[in-house]
Protein backbone atom coordinates (compact mmCIF):
# COMPACT_ATOMS: atom_id res chain seq x y z
CA MET A 1 20.10 -11.54 27.60
CA ARG A 2 18.04 -9.01 29.98
CA TRP A 3 16.16 -8.14 26.50
CA ALA A 4 15.68 -11.31 25.50
CA LEU A 5 12.71 -12.57 27.57
CA PRO A 6 10.87 -9.42 26.81
CA LEU A 7 11.78 -9.78 23.05
CA ALA A 8 9.91 -12.86 23.04
CA LEU A 9 7.61 -11.69 25.06
CA PHE A 10 6.58 -9.02 22.31
CA LEU A 11 7.67 -11.38 19.48
CA LEU A 12 4.53 -13.86 20.64
CA LEU A 13 2.07 -11.25 20.81
CA LEU A 14 2.89 -9.89 17.67
CA ALA A 15 2.19 -13.84 16.27
CA ALA A 16 -1.09 -13.88 17.89
CA LEU A 17 -2.29 -10.51 16.90
CA PRO A 18 -5.38 -10.98 14.37
CA GLN A 19 -4.98 -9.56 11.27
CA ALA A 20 -7.64 -7.46 9.47
CA ALA A 21 -10.05 -9.95 7.79
CA PRO A 22 -11.04 -9.14 4.44
CA ARG A 23 -14.76 -7.25 3.71
CA ALA A 24 -17.28 -9.00 1.53
CA ALA A 25 -17.65 -6.08 -1.13
CA ALA A 26 -21.01 -5.48 -1.98
CA THR A 27 -19.78 -3.34 -5.28
CA GLU A 28 -16.15 -4.95 -6.37
CA PRO A 29 -14.07 -1.54 -6.72
CA ARG A 30 -13.62 -0.51 -9.97
CA GLN A 31 -10.53 1.45 -8.87
CA ALA A 32 -7.33 0.85 -7.11
CA LEU A 33 -4.29 2.57 -5.19
CA VAL A 34 -1.02 1.40 -5.71
CA LEU A 35 0.93 2.17 -2.50
CA GLY A 36 4.47 3.32 -3.57
CA ALA A 37 7.80 1.15 -3.30
CA ALA A 38 11.25 2.52 -4.23
CA GLN A 39 12.30 3.66 -7.37
CA TYR A 40 15.63 3.74 -9.10
CA ASP A 41 16.16 6.75 -11.22
CA GLY A 42 12.32 6.54 -12.68
CA GLU A 43 12.67 2.49 -12.77
CA PRO A 44 10.28 0.71 -10.01
CA SER A 45 12.13 -1.25 -7.45
CA PRO A 46 11.36 -5.10 -8.05
CA ALA A 47 8.87 -4.85 -4.99
CA PHE A 48 6.93 -1.71 -6.60
CA ARG A 49 7.10 -3.30 -9.86
CA ARG A 50 4.96 -6.52 -8.18
CA ARG A 51 2.51 -3.88 -6.95
CA LEU A 52 2.13 -2.34 -10.26
CA ASP A 53 2.07 -5.44 -12.20
CA ALA A 54 -1.02 -6.55 -9.64
CA ALA A 55 -3.10 -3.53 -10.60
CA LEU A 56 -2.14 -4.00 -14.55
CA THR A 57 -3.87 -7.06 -14.52
CA LEU A 58 -7.08 -5.98 -12.68
CA TRP A 59 -6.66 -3.49 -15.40
CA ARG A 60 -6.11 -5.82 -18.10
CA GLU A 61 -8.93 -8.19 -17.09
CA GLY A 62 -11.24 -4.98 -17.39
CA ARG A 63 -11.94 -4.88 -13.30
CA LEU A 64 -10.66 -1.56 -13.51
CA ASP A 65 -11.74 2.06 -14.62
CA ARG A 66 -8.80 4.00 -12.65
CA ILE A 67 -5.46 3.41 -11.02
CA VAL A 68 -3.97 5.93 -8.49
CA VAL A 69 0.08 5.61 -7.92
CA SER A 70 1.45 6.65 -4.83
CA GLY A 71 4.59 7.97 -3.69
CA GLY A 72 7.15 10.75 -3.23
CA ARG A 73 10.63 10.69 -3.75
CA ALA A 74 13.94 10.44 -1.54
CA GLN A 75 16.30 13.33 -1.41
CA GLY A 76 18.54 13.50 -4.11
CA ASP A 77 16.15 11.37 -6.50
CA ARG A 78 14.90 13.23 -9.79
CA TYR A 79 11.50 10.66 -10.06
CA SER A 80 8.96 10.14 -7.34
CA GLU A 81 7.81 6.50 -6.86
CA GLY A 82 4.42 8.24 -8.42
CA GLU A 83 5.81 9.48 -11.22
CA ALA A 84 7.70 6.26 -12.13
CA GLY A 85 4.77 3.99 -11.27
CA CYS A 86 2.60 6.24 -13.65
CA ARG A 87 5.16 6.09 -16.20
CA TYR A 88 5.91 2.45 -15.85
CA LEU A 89 1.98 1.59 -16.63
CA LYS A 90 1.85 4.10 -19.35
CA ARG A 91 4.38 2.16 -21.35
CA ARG A 92 2.07 -1.03 -20.53
CA GLY A 93 -0.92 0.29 -22.26
CA VAL A 94 -2.91 1.93 -19.42
CA PRO A 95 -4.18 5.45 -21.26
CA PRO A 96 -3.34 8.60 -18.88
CA GLU A 97 -6.54 9.61 -18.24
CA ALA A 98 -7.21 6.40 -16.43
CA LEU A 99 -4.11 7.22 -14.23
CA ALA A 100 -3.58 9.70 -11.65
CA CYS A 101 -0.24 9.84 -9.31
CA GLU A 102 0.17 11.42 -6.24
CA THR A 103 4.11 12.13 -6.11
CA GLU A 104 4.39 13.58 -2.46
CA SER A 105 3.75 11.07 0.24
CA ARG A 106 6.62 9.77 2.07
CA SER A 107 4.71 7.18 4.37
CA THR A 108 2.00 4.63 4.25
CA TRP A 109 -0.22 7.30 6.24
CA ASP A 110 0.85 9.87 3.37
CA ASN A 111 0.49 7.55 0.41
CA LEU A 112 -3.77 7.41 1.65
CA ARG A 113 -3.95 10.59 2.55
CA LEU A 114 -2.56 12.42 -0.45
CA ALA A 115 -3.89 9.83 -2.44
CA ARG A 116 -7.65 10.33 -1.29
CA PRO A 117 -8.48 13.46 -3.33
CA LEU A 118 -7.31 11.67 -6.28
CA LEU A 119 -9.80 8.74 -5.80
CA GLU A 120 -13.29 8.47 -7.00
CA PRO A 121 -16.08 8.25 -4.55
CA GLY A 122 -16.82 4.39 -3.87
CA PRO A 123 -15.03 1.33 -2.83
CA VAL A 124 -10.99 1.27 -3.95
CA TRP A 125 -8.57 -1.33 -4.13
CA ILE A 126 -5.58 -1.44 -2.12
CA VAL A 127 -2.38 -2.80 -3.74
CA THR A 128 0.60 -3.83 -1.61
CA ASP A 129 2.68 -6.36 -0.07
CA ALA A 130 0.52 -9.15 1.67
CA PRO A 131 2.45 -8.32 5.09
CA HIS A 132 1.60 -4.37 4.37
CA MET A 133 -1.91 -4.82 4.04
CA PRO A 134 -3.35 -5.39 7.71
CA ARG A 135 -2.10 -2.10 8.30
CA ALA A 136 -2.76 -0.41 5.25
CA LEU A 137 -6.41 -1.47 5.80
CA LEU A 138 -6.21 0.15 8.85
CA LEU A 139 -4.97 3.27 8.35
CA ALA A 140 -7.43 3.62 5.38
CA GLU A 141 -10.22 2.93 7.82
CA ARG A 142 -9.04 5.42 9.75
CA LEU A 143 -8.85 7.82 6.73
CA GLY A 144 -12.51 7.59 6.12
CA LEU A 145 -11.75 5.17 3.01
CA ASP A 146 -13.87 2.42 1.40
CA ALA A 147 -11.15 0.32 1.03
CA ARG A 148 -10.56 -3.52 -0.10
CA GLY A 149 -7.30 -5.84 -0.12
CA TRP A 150 -5.33 -6.80 -2.70
CA PRO A 151 -2.17 -8.58 -1.34
CA VAL A 152 0.69 -8.79 -3.48
CA GLU A 153 2.80 -12.38 -2.67
CA GLY A 154 6.30 -11.78 -2.88
CA ALA A 155 9.71 -13.93 -1.08
CA PHE A 156 9.25 -11.09 1.98
CA SER A 157 12.01 -11.51 4.72
CA VAL A 158 11.47 -11.98 8.44
CA GLU A 159 12.83 -8.85 9.03
CA TYR A 160 10.09 -7.15 6.73
CA ARG A 161 7.38 -9.67 8.20
CA LEU A 162 7.91 -8.70 11.78
CA ARG A 163 8.51 -4.81 11.01
CA GLU A 164 4.83 -4.64 9.80
CA ARG A 165 3.58 -6.71 12.38
CA ALA A 166 5.02 -4.38 14.59
CA LEU A 167 3.96 -1.44 13.03
CA TYR A 168 0.11 -2.52 12.73
CA LEU A 169 0.50 -3.23 16.45
CA LEU A 170 1.64 0.36 16.97
CA ALA A 171 -1.07 1.74 14.75
CA ARG A 172 -3.68 -0.30 16.17
CA LEU A 173 -2.84 0.92 19.51
CA GLY A 174 -3.06 4.43 18.36
CA VAL A 175 0.54 5.42 19.03
CA THR A 176 1.85 6.26 15.51
CA HIS A 177 -1.47 7.35 13.63
CA PRO A 178 -4.48 8.98 14.99
CA ARG A 179 -7.59 6.88 15.78
CA PRO A 180 -11.10 8.20 14.05
């Protein structure tokens, strides 16, 4: 029980931590970067599918010219998240010339860093889970991306939300990723 008070203080700090506020866009992005999530033998996981479907909706509404899907493969996987995501979007009518697939990343930092050369100049929607968005936008800013958030809602566990808040705090403090 000696850890109960420090844990309670840490959780209180996480709850009070301000989240990144969305910026007003002078120009709405015409491209989206879908951050990877799990895939199973070439099929996106439910969480990844929600992200891809959000980008697909933007595409179908005529709000995007380009979609970049990011994510590598776990050891032993036949497909990367980027490949699985691009295949999913192609099967739903997004033309190959409007897609780019980043297939090597293994973390949010790498998703953003390795996808950056595949993006067109200008603003980009970052499409990811709502709890993941503050950290993704912070890291995108550190990489010099003009990123706006397109948060995807879902039934996220308390553990996932707390994990993301903790990782955001560590990134904000410069512990896990370099500052500009």
